[in-house]
Amino acid sequence: MRGVWRWRHNPLRRRTDRVEAWVALAAALLVVFGATSAGLLAGRSTHGALLTTVRIQHQQRHLEWVTVDRLVSRTPLDPDPETSSQRDAHRRVVARWTGRDGTAHMGQLAAPRPVETGERFRIWTDGRGRVVPRPMDASTAGTHAVLAGLGTAAGVGMMIEGARRLIVWLLMVRRFRRWDEAWERAGQDWGRAGAGS
């Protein structure tokens, strides 16, 4: 920092050097304060929206007991060990259940564990008895909000750095143009032996 401060009075310093230094300082401050603030705001607003979603999902989704009617026949053996282990972990069954509104339902489901005919397990349903995913919990909402905040902060920081690089590139183009003009004014034989310089 002390070297930069002394550099202010250097006679070789150009106006574009000063502009570039101010742009770098402004970009650094914007990244530290602007990107961080944008990330915090995005994380807070995302967290609020997701907590509302959590509340609504917990109001609209219900755990219901299902009774296994029959097992669905297994598919042929799969040579891929990853897909076959996933399939074995969730056996497909045909099951019966009654919705919150009293309507009877029957359908094919993925059992959470290996089950036999007549066994019971619980599933999440909506108000009409349709199978739905488990509702989001508050900790998952918090995790998603943190990720949204970090992503926003990183995105804003990259945009600021991109703008800084663009400005520095434009300053360099301007410098090169001025150097070309200075060389043209000096003449093409400048520096050659016997050219009168």
N, C-alpha and C. Protein backbone atom coordinates (compact mmCIF):
# COMPACT_ATOMS: atom_id res chain seq x y z
N MET A 1 0.82 -1.19 0.00
CA MET A 1 0.00 0.00 0.00
C MET A 1 0.87 1.25 0.00
N ARG A 2 1.99 1.21 0.74
CA ARG A 2 2.87 2.36 0.80
C ARG A 2 3.47 2.65 -0.57
N GLY A 3 3.79 1.56 -1.32
CA GLY A 3 4.33 1.74 -2.66
C GLY A 3 3.33 2.37 -3.61
N VAL A 4 2.08 1.99 -3.47
CA VAL A 4 1.02 2.58 -4.30
C VAL A 4 0.87 4.06 -3.96
N TRP A 5 0.96 4.39 -2.68
CA TRP A 5 0.82 5.79 -2.26
C TRP A 5 1.95 6.65 -2.83
N ARG A 6 3.19 6.10 -2.81
CA ARG A 6 4.33 6.85 -3.38
C ARG A 6 4.22 6.96 -4.90
N TRP A 7 3.62 5.98 -5.53
CA TRP A 7 3.48 5.93 -6.98
C TRP A 7 2.64 7.09 -7.50
N ARG A 8 1.80 7.68 -6.65
CA ARG A 8 0.94 8.80 -7.08
C ARG A 8 1.74 9.95 -7.65
N HIS A 9 2.94 10.19 -7.12
CA HIS A 9 3.74 11.34 -7.55
C HIS A 9 4.81 10.97 -8.58
N ASN A 10 4.76 9.78 -9.12
CA ASN A 10 5.73 9.33 -10.11
C ASN A 10 5.50 10.11 -11.41
N PRO A 11 6.57 10.71 -12.01
CA PRO A 11 6.38 11.49 -13.24
C PRO A 11 6.01 10.62 -14.45
N LEU A 12 6.25 9.30 -14.38
CA LEU A 12 5.91 8.43 -15.51
C LEU A 12 4.45 7.93 -15.44
N ARG A 13 3.77 8.30 -14.38
CA ARG A 13 2.38 7.86 -14.22
C ARG A 13 1.50 8.56 -15.24
N ARG A 14 0.68 7.76 -15.93
CA ARG A 14 -0.25 8.31 -16.92
C ARG A 14 -1.63 8.47 -16.29
N ARG A 15 -2.49 9.19 -16.97
CA ARG A 15 -3.86 9.36 -16.48
C ARG A 15 -4.59 8.02 -16.46
N THR A 16 -4.34 7.17 -17.43
CA THR A 16 -4.99 5.85 -17.47
C THR A 16 -4.53 4.98 -16.31
N ASP A 17 -3.28 5.17 -15.84
CA ASP A 17 -2.82 4.42 -14.67
C ASP A 17 -3.64 4.81 -13.44
N ARG A 18 -3.90 6.09 -13.31
CA ARG A 18 -4.69 6.56 -12.18
C ARG A 18 -6.12 6.02 -12.25
N VAL A 19 -6.70 6.05 -13.45
CA VAL A 19 -8.06 5.53 -13.63
C VAL A 19 -8.10 4.04 -13.30
N GLU A 20 -7.09 3.32 -13.77
CA GLU A 20 -7.03 1.88 -13.51
C GLU A 20 -6.92 1.59 -12.01
N ALA A 21 -6.14 2.39 -11.30
CA ALA A 21 -6.01 2.19 -9.85
C ALA A 21 -7.34 2.46 -9.15
N TRP A 22 -8.05 3.52 -9.55
CA TRP A 22 -9.33 3.81 -8.92
C TRP A 22 -10.37 2.73 -9.24
N VAL A 23 -10.33 2.22 -10.47
CA VAL A 23 -11.25 1.14 -10.85
C VAL A 23 -10.97 -0.11 -10.02
N ALA A 24 -9.70 -0.42 -9.81
CA ALA A 24 -9.34 -1.59 -9.00
C ALA A 24 -9.82 -1.42 -7.56
N LEU A 25 -9.65 -0.22 -7.00
CA LEU A 25 -10.11 0.04 -5.64
C LEU A 25 -11.63 -0.07 -5.55
N ALA A 26 -12.31 0.54 -6.50
CA ALA A 26 -13.78 0.49 -6.49
C ALA A 26 -14.27 -0.95 -6.64
N ALA A 27 -13.62 -1.73 -7.52
CA ALA A 27 -14.02 -3.13 -7.71
C ALA A 27 -13.80 -3.93 -6.44
N ALA A 28 -12.66 -3.71 -5.76
CA ALA A 28 -12.39 -4.44 -4.52
C ALA A 28 -13.43 -4.11 -3.46
N LEU A 29 -13.78 -2.83 -3.32
CA LEU A 29 -14.79 -2.44 -2.34
C LEU A 29 -16.16 -3.00 -2.70
N LEU A 30 -16.49 -2.99 -3.99
CA LEU A 30 -17.78 -3.54 -4.41
C LEU A 30 -17.85 -5.05 -4.17
N VAL A 31 -16.74 -5.76 -4.41
CA VAL A 31 -16.75 -7.20 -4.16
C VAL A 31 -16.92 -7.47 -2.68
N VAL A 32 -16.15 -6.73 -1.85
CA VAL A 32 -16.22 -6.99 -0.40
C VAL A 32 -17.58 -6.61 0.16
N PHE A 33 -18.08 -5.43 -0.18
CA PHE A 33 -19.32 -4.97 0.44
C PHE A 33 -20.56 -5.27 -0.42
N GLY A 34 -20.48 -5.03 -1.71
CA GLY A 34 -21.64 -5.22 -2.58
C GLY A 34 -22.01 -6.67 -2.78
N ALA A 35 -21.03 -7.50 -3.11
CA ALA A 35 -21.33 -8.92 -3.34
C ALA A 35 -21.78 -9.59 -2.05
N THR A 36 -21.15 -9.22 -0.94
CA THR A 36 -21.55 -9.80 0.34
C THR A 36 -22.97 -9.39 0.70
N SER A 37 -23.28 -8.12 0.50
CA SER A 37 -24.65 -7.64 0.79
C SER A 37 -25.67 -8.31 -0.11
N ALA A 38 -25.35 -8.44 -1.39
CA ALA A 38 -26.27 -9.10 -2.32
C ALA A 38 -26.49 -10.56 -1.91
N GLY A 39 -25.42 -11.24 -1.50
CA GLY A 39 -25.55 -12.62 -1.04
C GLY A 39 -26.42 -12.73 0.20
N LEU A 40 -26.22 -11.81 1.15
CA LEU A 40 -27.04 -11.82 2.38
C LEU A 40 -28.51 -11.57 2.06
N LEU A 41 -28.78 -10.58 1.21
CA LEU A 41 -30.17 -10.28 0.85
C LEU A 41 -30.82 -11.45 0.13
N ALA A 42 -30.08 -12.05 -0.81
CA ALA A 42 -30.64 -13.19 -1.55
C ALA A 42 -30.89 -14.37 -0.61
N GLY A 43 -29.94 -14.63 0.29
CA GLY A 43 -30.11 -15.73 1.23
C GLY A 43 -31.30 -15.51 2.16
N ARG A 44 -31.45 -14.29 2.66
CA ARG A 44 -32.58 -13.99 3.56
C ARG A 44 -33.92 -14.11 2.85
N SER A 45 -34.01 -13.54 1.64
CA SER A 45 -35.29 -13.61 0.94
C SER A 45 -35.61 -15.05 0.53
N THR A 46 -34.59 -15.81 0.12
CA THR A 46 -34.81 -17.22 -0.22
C THR A 46 -35.25 -17.99 1.00
N HIS A 47 -34.61 -17.73 2.14
CA HIS A 47 -34.97 -18.44 3.37
C HIS A 47 -36.42 -18.16 3.76
N GLY A 48 -36.83 -16.89 3.66
CA GLY A 48 -38.22 -16.54 3.97
C GLY A 48 -39.21 -17.25 3.06
N ALA A 49 -38.90 -17.25 1.75
CA ALA A 49 -39.79 -17.90 0.79
C ALA A 49 -39.85 -19.41 1.03
N LEU A 50 -38.70 -20.00 1.32
CA LEU A 50 -38.68 -21.45 1.55
C LEU A 50 -39.37 -21.82 2.85
N LEU A 51 -39.26 -21.00 3.88
CA LEU A 51 -39.98 -21.29 5.13
C LEU A 51 -41.49 -21.22 4.91
N THR A 52 -41.94 -20.30 4.05
CA THR A 52 -43.36 -20.26 3.70
C THR A 52 -43.76 -21.54 2.98
N THR A 53 -42.90 -22.01 2.07
CA THR A 53 -43.16 -23.27 1.36
C THR A 53 -43.21 -24.43 2.33
N VAL A 54 -42.29 -24.45 3.30
CA VAL A 54 -42.28 -25.52 4.31
C VAL A 54 -43.60 -25.53 5.07
N ARG A 55 -44.05 -24.36 5.50
CA ARG A 55 -45.30 -24.27 6.26
C ARG A 55 -46.49 -24.75 5.43
N ILE A 56 -46.55 -24.32 4.17
CA ILE A 56 -47.67 -24.72 3.29
C ILE A 56 -47.63 -26.21 3.03
N GLN A 57 -46.44 -26.75 2.75
CA GLN A 57 -46.34 -28.19 2.48
C GLN A 57 -46.76 -29.01 3.70
N HIS A 58 -46.38 -28.56 4.90
CA HIS A 58 -46.76 -29.31 6.10
C HIS A 58 -48.26 -29.22 6.37
N GLN A 59 -48.91 -28.16 5.90
CA GLN A 59 -50.36 -28.05 6.03
C GLN A 59 -51.08 -28.92 5.01
N GLN A 60 -50.51 -29.06 3.81
CA GLN A 60 -51.21 -29.72 2.71
C GLN A 60 -50.85 -31.19 2.55
N ARG A 61 -49.79 -31.66 3.16
CA ARG A 61 -49.37 -33.05 2.99
C ARG A 61 -49.55 -33.81 4.29
N HIS A 62 -49.97 -35.07 4.14
CA HIS A 62 -50.31 -35.88 5.31
C HIS A 62 -49.72 -37.27 5.16
N LEU A 63 -49.35 -37.86 6.30
CA LEU A 63 -48.88 -39.25 6.31
C LEU A 63 -50.09 -40.17 6.37
N GLU A 64 -50.13 -41.14 5.47
CA GLU A 64 -51.21 -42.12 5.44
C GLU A 64 -50.62 -43.53 5.44
N TRP A 65 -51.34 -44.43 6.05
CA TRP A 65 -50.92 -45.83 6.04
C TRP A 65 -51.37 -46.50 4.75
N VAL A 66 -50.51 -47.29 4.14
CA VAL A 66 -50.86 -48.08 2.96
C VAL A 66 -50.69 -49.55 3.31
N THR A 67 -51.49 -50.38 2.68
CA THR A 67 -51.40 -51.83 2.87
C THR A 67 -50.96 -52.43 1.55
N VAL A 68 -49.92 -53.27 1.61
CA VAL A 68 -49.37 -53.89 0.40
C VAL A 68 -50.36 -54.94 -0.09
N ASP A 69 -50.82 -54.78 -1.32
CA ASP A 69 -51.75 -55.72 -1.93
C ASP A 69 -50.98 -56.86 -2.60
N ARG A 70 -49.95 -56.51 -3.34
CA ARG A 70 -49.09 -57.53 -3.98
C ARG A 70 -47.77 -56.88 -4.38
N LEU A 71 -46.76 -57.71 -4.54
CA LEU A 71 -45.45 -57.24 -4.99
C LEU A 71 -45.46 -57.18 -6.51
N VAL A 72 -44.81 -56.19 -7.06
CA VAL A 72 -44.66 -56.08 -8.51
C VAL A 72 -43.52 -56.99 -8.90
N SER A 73 -43.73 -57.76 -9.97
CA SER A 73 -42.68 -58.71 -10.38
C SER A 73 -41.40 -57.96 -10.66
N ARG A 74 -40.30 -58.59 -10.32
CA ARG A 74 -38.98 -57.96 -10.50
C ARG A 74 -38.64 -57.88 -11.98
N THR A 75 -37.91 -56.84 -12.32
CA THR A 75 -37.43 -56.69 -13.69
C THR A 75 -36.23 -57.61 -13.87
N PRO A 76 -35.85 -57.91 -15.10
CA PRO A 76 -34.67 -58.78 -15.32
C PRO A 76 -33.43 -58.19 -14.65
N LEU A 77 -32.49 -59.06 -14.35
CA LEU A 77 -31.26 -58.61 -13.68
C LEU A 77 -30.54 -57.58 -14.51
N ASP A 78 -30.05 -56.58 -13.84
CA ASP A 78 -29.33 -55.50 -14.48
C ASP A 78 -27.84 -55.71 -14.22
N PRO A 79 -26.99 -55.69 -15.25
CA PRO A 79 -25.56 -55.90 -15.01
C PRO A 79 -24.88 -54.73 -14.30
N ASP A 80 -25.52 -53.56 -14.30
CA ASP A 80 -24.94 -52.39 -13.64
C ASP A 80 -25.21 -52.49 -12.14
N PRO A 81 -24.16 -52.60 -11.31
CA PRO A 81 -24.39 -52.78 -9.88
C PRO A 81 -25.04 -51.58 -9.20
N GLU A 82 -24.81 -50.37 -9.73
CA GLU A 82 -25.40 -49.19 -9.09
C GLU A 82 -26.91 -49.16 -9.24
N THR A 83 -27.41 -49.38 -10.45
CA THR A 83 -28.86 -49.31 -10.65
C THR A 83 -29.55 -50.49 -9.99
N SER A 84 -28.94 -51.67 -10.00
CA SER A 84 -29.60 -52.81 -9.38
C SER A 84 -29.67 -52.64 -7.86
N SER A 85 -28.64 -52.03 -7.24
CA SER A 85 -28.70 -51.83 -5.79
C SER A 85 -29.76 -50.78 -5.44
N GLN A 86 -29.92 -49.77 -6.30
CA GLN A 86 -30.96 -48.78 -6.04
C GLN A 86 -32.34 -49.42 -6.18
N ARG A 87 -32.52 -50.28 -7.17
CA ARG A 87 -33.81 -50.92 -7.38
C ARG A 87 -34.12 -51.85 -6.23
N ASP A 88 -33.13 -52.59 -5.73
CA ASP A 88 -33.37 -53.51 -4.63
C ASP A 88 -33.71 -52.77 -3.35
N ALA A 89 -33.17 -51.55 -3.18
CA ALA A 89 -33.43 -50.78 -1.97
C ALA A 89 -34.88 -50.33 -1.91
N HIS A 90 -35.51 -50.10 -3.04
CA HIS A 90 -36.92 -49.68 -3.09
C HIS A 90 -37.69 -50.66 -3.95
N ARG A 91 -38.33 -51.62 -3.31
CA ARG A 91 -39.12 -52.60 -4.05
C ARG A 91 -40.45 -51.98 -4.45
N ARG A 92 -40.89 -52.28 -5.64
CA ARG A 92 -42.16 -51.77 -6.14
C ARG A 92 -43.29 -52.69 -5.68
N VAL A 93 -44.38 -52.07 -5.22
CA VAL A 93 -45.53 -52.83 -4.74
C VAL A 93 -46.81 -52.17 -5.24
N VAL A 94 -47.87 -52.95 -5.27
CA VAL A 94 -49.20 -52.39 -5.49
C VAL A 94 -49.85 -52.33 -4.12
N ALA A 95 -50.31 -51.13 -3.74
CA ALA A 95 -50.83 -50.94 -2.38
C ALA A 95 -52.15 -50.19 -2.41
N ARG A 96 -52.89 -50.31 -1.29
CA ARG A 96 -54.18 -49.63 -1.11
C ARG A 96 -54.06 -48.66 0.06
N TRP A 97 -54.72 -47.51 -0.07
CA TRP A 97 -54.78 -46.55 1.03
C TRP A 97 -56.02 -45.68 0.90
N THR A 98 -56.37 -45.04 2.00
CA THR A 98 -57.51 -44.13 2.02
C THR A 98 -57.00 -42.72 2.20
N GLY A 99 -57.45 -41.82 1.34
CA GLY A 99 -57.01 -40.43 1.40
C GLY A 99 -57.64 -39.69 2.57
N ARG A 100 -57.15 -38.51 2.84
CA ARG A 100 -57.66 -37.68 3.92
C ARG A 100 -59.13 -37.35 3.70
N ASP A 101 -59.54 -37.26 2.42
CA ASP A 101 -60.94 -36.95 2.10
C ASP A 101 -61.84 -38.18 2.13
N GLY A 102 -61.27 -39.36 2.45
CA GLY A 102 -62.07 -40.59 2.57
C GLY A 102 -62.14 -41.43 1.32
N THR A 103 -61.52 -41.00 0.23
CA THR A 103 -61.57 -41.77 -1.01
C THR A 103 -60.54 -42.90 -0.97
N ALA A 104 -60.93 -44.04 -1.54
CA ALA A 104 -60.03 -45.20 -1.58
C ALA A 104 -59.13 -45.08 -2.80
N HIS A 105 -57.86 -45.44 -2.63
CA HIS A 105 -56.88 -45.37 -3.72
C HIS A 105 -56.12 -46.68 -3.79
N MET A 106 -55.66 -46.99 -5.00
CA MET A 106 -54.80 -48.15 -5.22
C MET A 106 -53.80 -47.77 -6.29
N GLY A 107 -52.53 -48.11 -6.08
CA GLY A 107 -51.53 -47.76 -7.07
C GLY A 107 -50.20 -48.43 -6.79
N GLN A 108 -49.31 -48.25 -7.74
CA GLN A 108 -47.96 -48.82 -7.62
C GLN A 108 -47.07 -47.82 -6.89
N LEU A 109 -46.37 -48.29 -5.87
CA LEU A 109 -45.54 -47.43 -5.04
C LEU A 109 -44.17 -48.06 -4.85
N ALA A 110 -43.23 -47.24 -4.44
CA ALA A 110 -41.91 -47.72 -4.03
C ALA A 110 -41.94 -47.87 -2.52
N ALA A 111 -41.72 -49.09 -2.04
CA ALA A 111 -41.71 -49.34 -0.60
C ALA A 111 -40.38 -48.85 -0.02
N PRO A 112 -40.40 -48.28 1.18
CA PRO A 112 -39.16 -47.77 1.77
C PRO A 112 -38.22 -48.87 2.23
N ARG A 113 -38.74 -50.09 2.36
CA ARG A 113 -37.95 -51.25 2.79
C ARG A 113 -38.56 -52.47 2.15
N PRO A 114 -37.85 -53.58 2.13
CA PRO A 114 -38.46 -54.80 1.59
C PRO A 114 -39.71 -55.18 2.41
N VAL A 115 -40.82 -55.40 1.73
CA VAL A 115 -42.09 -55.72 2.40
C VAL A 115 -42.71 -56.95 1.78
N GLU A 116 -43.68 -57.51 2.49
CA GLU A 116 -44.44 -58.66 2.00
C GLU A 116 -45.90 -58.26 1.87
N THR A 117 -46.67 -59.08 1.20
CA THR A 117 -48.10 -58.83 1.03
C THR A 117 -48.77 -58.72 2.40
N GLY A 118 -49.61 -57.72 2.55
CA GLY A 118 -50.33 -57.50 3.80
C GLY A 118 -49.62 -56.56 4.76
N GLU A 119 -48.35 -56.30 4.58
CA GLU A 119 -47.62 -55.37 5.46
C GLU A 119 -48.07 -53.94 5.19
N ARG A 120 -47.77 -53.08 6.17
CA ARG A 120 -48.15 -51.68 6.06
C ARG A 120 -46.92 -50.79 6.18
N PHE A 121 -46.99 -49.66 5.49
CA PHE A 121 -45.99 -48.61 5.66
C PHE A 121 -46.67 -47.29 5.36
N ARG A 122 -45.97 -46.19 5.63
CA ARG A 122 -46.59 -44.88 5.49
C ARG A 122 -46.06 -44.15 4.27
N ILE A 123 -46.95 -43.36 3.66
CA ILE A 123 -46.58 -42.52 2.52
C ILE A 123 -47.15 -41.12 2.75
N TRP A 124 -46.63 -40.15 2.01
CA TRP A 124 -47.14 -38.79 2.06
C TRP A 124 -48.17 -38.62 0.95
N THR A 125 -49.32 -38.03 1.30
CA THR A 125 -50.37 -37.76 0.31
C THR A 125 -50.85 -36.31 0.46
N ASP A 126 -51.52 -35.83 -0.60
CA ASP A 126 -52.12 -34.50 -0.51
C ASP A 126 -53.55 -34.66 0.00
N GLY A 127 -54.34 -33.60 -0.02
CA GLY A 127 -55.70 -33.62 0.50
C GLY A 127 -56.63 -34.56 -0.26
N ARG A 128 -56.29 -34.89 -1.51
CA ARG A 128 -57.12 -35.78 -2.32
C ARG A 128 -56.62 -37.23 -2.29
N GLY A 129 -55.57 -37.48 -1.55
CA GLY A 129 -55.05 -38.84 -1.45
C GLY A 129 -54.01 -39.19 -2.50
N ARG A 130 -53.58 -38.23 -3.30
CA ARG A 130 -52.55 -38.50 -4.31
C ARG A 130 -51.18 -38.54 -3.63
N VAL A 131 -50.32 -39.44 -4.10
CA VAL A 131 -48.98 -39.58 -3.52
C VAL A 131 -48.14 -38.37 -3.90
N VAL A 132 -47.48 -37.78 -2.89
CA VAL A 132 -46.63 -36.61 -3.09
C VAL A 132 -45.31 -36.84 -2.35
N PRO A 133 -44.26 -36.10 -2.71
CA PRO A 133 -43.00 -36.22 -1.97
C PRO A 133 -43.16 -35.72 -0.54
N ARG A 134 -42.28 -36.15 0.30
CA ARG A 134 -42.27 -35.71 1.70
C ARG A 134 -42.09 -34.20 1.74
N PRO A 135 -42.74 -33.50 2.68
CA PRO A 135 -42.59 -32.04 2.73
C PRO A 135 -41.17 -31.64 3.15
N MET A 136 -40.77 -30.49 2.65
CA MET A 136 -39.44 -29.97 2.99
C MET A 136 -39.41 -29.59 4.46
N ASP A 137 -38.26 -29.79 5.10
CA ASP A 137 -38.13 -29.37 6.49
C ASP A 137 -37.33 -28.07 6.57
N ALA A 138 -37.33 -27.46 7.76
CA ALA A 138 -36.70 -26.14 7.93
C ALA A 138 -35.20 -26.19 7.72
N SER A 139 -34.55 -27.29 8.10
CA SER A 139 -33.09 -27.35 7.92
C SER A 139 -32.72 -27.42 6.43
N THR A 140 -33.52 -28.14 5.64
CA THR A 140 -33.28 -28.17 4.19
C THR A 140 -33.49 -26.79 3.59
N ALA A 141 -34.51 -26.09 4.05
CA ALA A 141 -34.76 -24.72 3.57
C ALA A 141 -33.57 -23.83 3.91
N GLY A 142 -33.02 -23.98 5.12
CA GLY A 142 -31.85 -23.19 5.51
C GLY A 142 -30.65 -23.49 4.64
N THR A 143 -30.43 -24.76 4.33
CA THR A 143 -29.30 -25.15 3.48
C THR A 143 -29.45 -24.55 2.08
N HIS A 144 -30.66 -24.63 1.53
CA HIS A 144 -30.90 -24.06 0.19
C HIS A 144 -30.71 -22.54 0.21
N ALA A 145 -31.13 -21.89 1.30
CA ALA A 145 -30.97 -20.44 1.40
C ALA A 145 -29.50 -20.04 1.47
N VAL A 146 -28.70 -20.81 2.22
CA VAL A 146 -27.26 -20.52 2.29
C VAL A 146 -26.62 -20.69 0.92
N LEU A 147 -26.98 -21.77 0.22
CA LEU A 147 -26.43 -21.98 -1.12
C LEU A 147 -26.85 -20.88 -2.09
N ALA A 148 -28.10 -20.42 -1.98
CA ALA A 148 -28.55 -19.32 -2.84
C ALA A 148 -27.77 -18.05 -2.54
N GLY A 149 -27.52 -17.77 -1.26
CA GLY A 149 -26.75 -16.58 -0.89
C GLY A 149 -25.32 -16.65 -1.39
N LEU A 150 -24.69 -17.82 -1.22
CA LEU A 150 -23.32 -17.98 -1.70
C LEU A 150 -23.24 -17.86 -3.22
N GLY A 151 -24.20 -18.47 -3.90
CA GLY A 151 -24.21 -18.38 -5.36
C GLY A 151 -24.42 -16.97 -5.85
N THR A 152 -25.30 -16.24 -5.19
CA THR A 152 -25.53 -14.84 -5.57
C THR A 152 -24.28 -14.00 -5.33
N ALA A 153 -23.66 -14.19 -4.16
CA ALA A 153 -22.44 -13.42 -3.86
C ALA A 153 -21.35 -13.73 -4.88
N ALA A 154 -21.18 -15.00 -5.21
CA ALA A 154 -20.16 -15.37 -6.21
C ALA A 154 -20.49 -14.79 -7.57
N GLY A 155 -21.76 -14.84 -7.97
CA GLY A 155 -22.16 -14.30 -9.26
C GLY A 155 -21.95 -12.79 -9.36
N VAL A 156 -22.34 -12.08 -8.30
CA VAL A 156 -22.14 -10.62 -8.29
C VAL A 156 -20.65 -10.30 -8.30
N GLY A 157 -19.86 -11.05 -7.51
CA GLY A 157 -18.41 -10.83 -7.51
C GLY A 157 -17.80 -11.05 -8.89
N MET A 158 -18.25 -12.10 -9.59
CA MET A 158 -17.73 -12.36 -10.94
C MET A 158 -18.14 -11.26 -11.92
N MET A 159 -19.36 -10.74 -11.77
CA MET A 159 -19.78 -9.65 -12.66
C MET A 159 -18.95 -8.40 -12.41
N ILE A 160 -18.67 -8.11 -11.15
CA ILE A 160 -17.85 -6.93 -10.83
C ILE A 160 -16.44 -7.11 -11.40
N GLU A 161 -15.87 -8.29 -11.21
CA GLU A 161 -14.53 -8.55 -11.74
C GLU A 161 -14.53 -8.50 -13.26
N GLY A 162 -15.58 -9.00 -13.90
CA GLY A 162 -15.69 -8.92 -15.36
C GLY A 162 -15.75 -7.48 -15.85
N ALA A 163 -16.51 -6.66 -15.13
CA ALA A 163 -16.59 -5.23 -15.50
C ALA A 163 -15.24 -4.56 -15.32
N ARG A 164 -14.53 -4.89 -14.23
CA ARG A 164 -13.20 -4.31 -14.01
C ARG A 164 -12.26 -4.70 -15.14
N ARG A 165 -12.27 -5.95 -15.51
CA ARG A 165 -11.39 -6.41 -16.60
C ARG A 165 -11.73 -5.75 -17.93
N LEU A 166 -13.01 -5.54 -18.18
CA LEU A 166 -13.42 -4.86 -19.40
C LEU A 166 -12.89 -3.42 -19.42
N ILE A 167 -13.03 -2.73 -18.29
CA ILE A 167 -12.55 -1.34 -18.23
C ILE A 167 -11.03 -1.29 -18.40
N VAL A 168 -10.31 -2.21 -17.76
CA VAL A 168 -8.84 -2.25 -17.91
C VAL A 168 -8.47 -2.56 -19.36
N TRP A 169 -9.21 -3.45 -20.01
CA TRP A 169 -8.93 -3.76 -21.42
C TRP A 169 -9.15 -2.52 -22.28
N LEU A 170 -10.24 -1.77 -22.03
CA LEU A 170 -10.49 -0.54 -22.80
C LEU A 170 -9.38 0.49 -22.55
N LEU A 171 -8.90 0.58 -21.31
CA LEU A 171 -7.79 1.50 -21.01
C LEU A 171 -6.52 1.08 -21.76
N MET A 172 -6.26 -0.22 -21.83
CA MET A 172 -5.08 -0.70 -22.56
C MET A 172 -5.20 -0.39 -24.05
N VAL A 173 -6.38 -0.57 -24.62
CA VAL A 173 -6.58 -0.24 -26.03
C VAL A 173 -6.31 1.24 -26.25
N ARG A 174 -6.77 2.07 -25.34
CA ARG A 174 -6.54 3.51 -25.44
C ARG A 174 -5.04 3.82 -25.35
N ARG A 175 -4.33 3.17 -24.43
CA ARG A 175 -2.88 3.38 -24.30
C ARG A 175 -2.15 3.00 -25.58
N PHE A 176 -2.51 1.83 -26.11
CA PHE A 176 -1.84 1.39 -27.35
C PHE A 176 -2.12 2.35 -28.49
N ARG A 177 -3.33 2.87 -28.58
CA ARG A 177 -3.66 3.84 -29.62
C ARG A 177 -2.81 5.10 -29.47
N ARG A 178 -2.64 5.55 -28.24
CA ARG A 178 -1.81 6.75 -27.99
C ARG A 178 -0.35 6.48 -28.31
N TRP A 179 0.13 5.28 -27.97
CA TRP A 179 1.52 4.94 -28.30
C TRP A 179 1.72 4.92 -29.82
N ASP A 180 0.75 4.38 -30.55
CA ASP A 180 0.85 4.37 -32.01
C ASP A 180 0.90 5.79 -32.56
N GLU A 181 0.07 6.66 -32.01
CA GLU A 181 0.09 8.06 -32.46
C GLU A 181 1.43 8.73 -32.15
N ALA A 182 1.99 8.42 -30.99
CA ALA A 182 3.29 9.00 -30.61
C ALA A 182 4.39 8.49 -31.54
N TRP A 183 4.36 7.21 -31.91
CA TRP A 183 5.37 6.68 -32.83
C TRP A 183 5.24 7.31 -34.20
N GLU A 184 4.01 7.57 -34.64
CA GLU A 184 3.82 8.21 -35.94
C GLU A 184 4.37 9.64 -35.93
N ARG A 185 4.17 10.34 -34.83
CA ARG A 185 4.69 11.71 -34.72
C ARG A 185 6.22 11.69 -34.70
N ALA A 186 6.82 10.67 -34.08
CA ALA A 186 8.29 10.60 -33.99
C ALA A 186 8.90 10.33 -35.36
N GLY A 187 8.16 9.75 -36.25
CA GLY A 187 8.69 9.46 -37.58
C GLY A 187 9.22 8.04 -37.66
N GLN A 188 9.28 7.53 -38.89
CA GLN A 188 9.67 6.14 -39.05
C GLN A 188 11.16 5.92 -38.89
N ASP A 189 12.01 6.97 -39.11
CA ASP A 189 13.45 6.72 -38.99
C ASP A 189 13.98 7.02 -37.60
N TRP A 190 13.11 7.30 -36.65
CA TRP A 190 13.58 7.62 -35.32
C TRP A 190 14.37 6.45 -34.76
N GLY A 191 15.59 6.76 -34.28
CA GLY A 191 16.43 5.74 -33.68
C GLY A 191 17.40 5.11 -34.64
N ARG A 192 17.31 5.36 -35.95
CA ARG A 192 18.25 4.77 -36.90
C ARG A 192 19.52 5.60 -36.94
N ALA A 193 20.61 4.94 -37.24
CA ALA A 193 21.90 5.66 -37.33
C ALA A 193 21.87 6.59 -38.57
N GLY A 194 22.32 7.79 -38.39
CA GLY A 194 22.42 8.75 -39.50
C GLY A 194 21.09 9.35 -39.88
N ALA A 195 20.03 9.21 -39.07
CA ALA A 195 18.72 9.75 -39.42
C ALA A 195 18.55 11.18 -38.92
N GLY A 196 19.61 11.75 -38.34
CA GLY A 196 19.54 13.11 -37.88
C GLY A 196 18.97 13.25 -36.48
N SER A 197 18.90 12.20 -35.76
CA SER A 197 18.38 12.32 -34.41
C SER A 197 19.49 12.42 -33.41
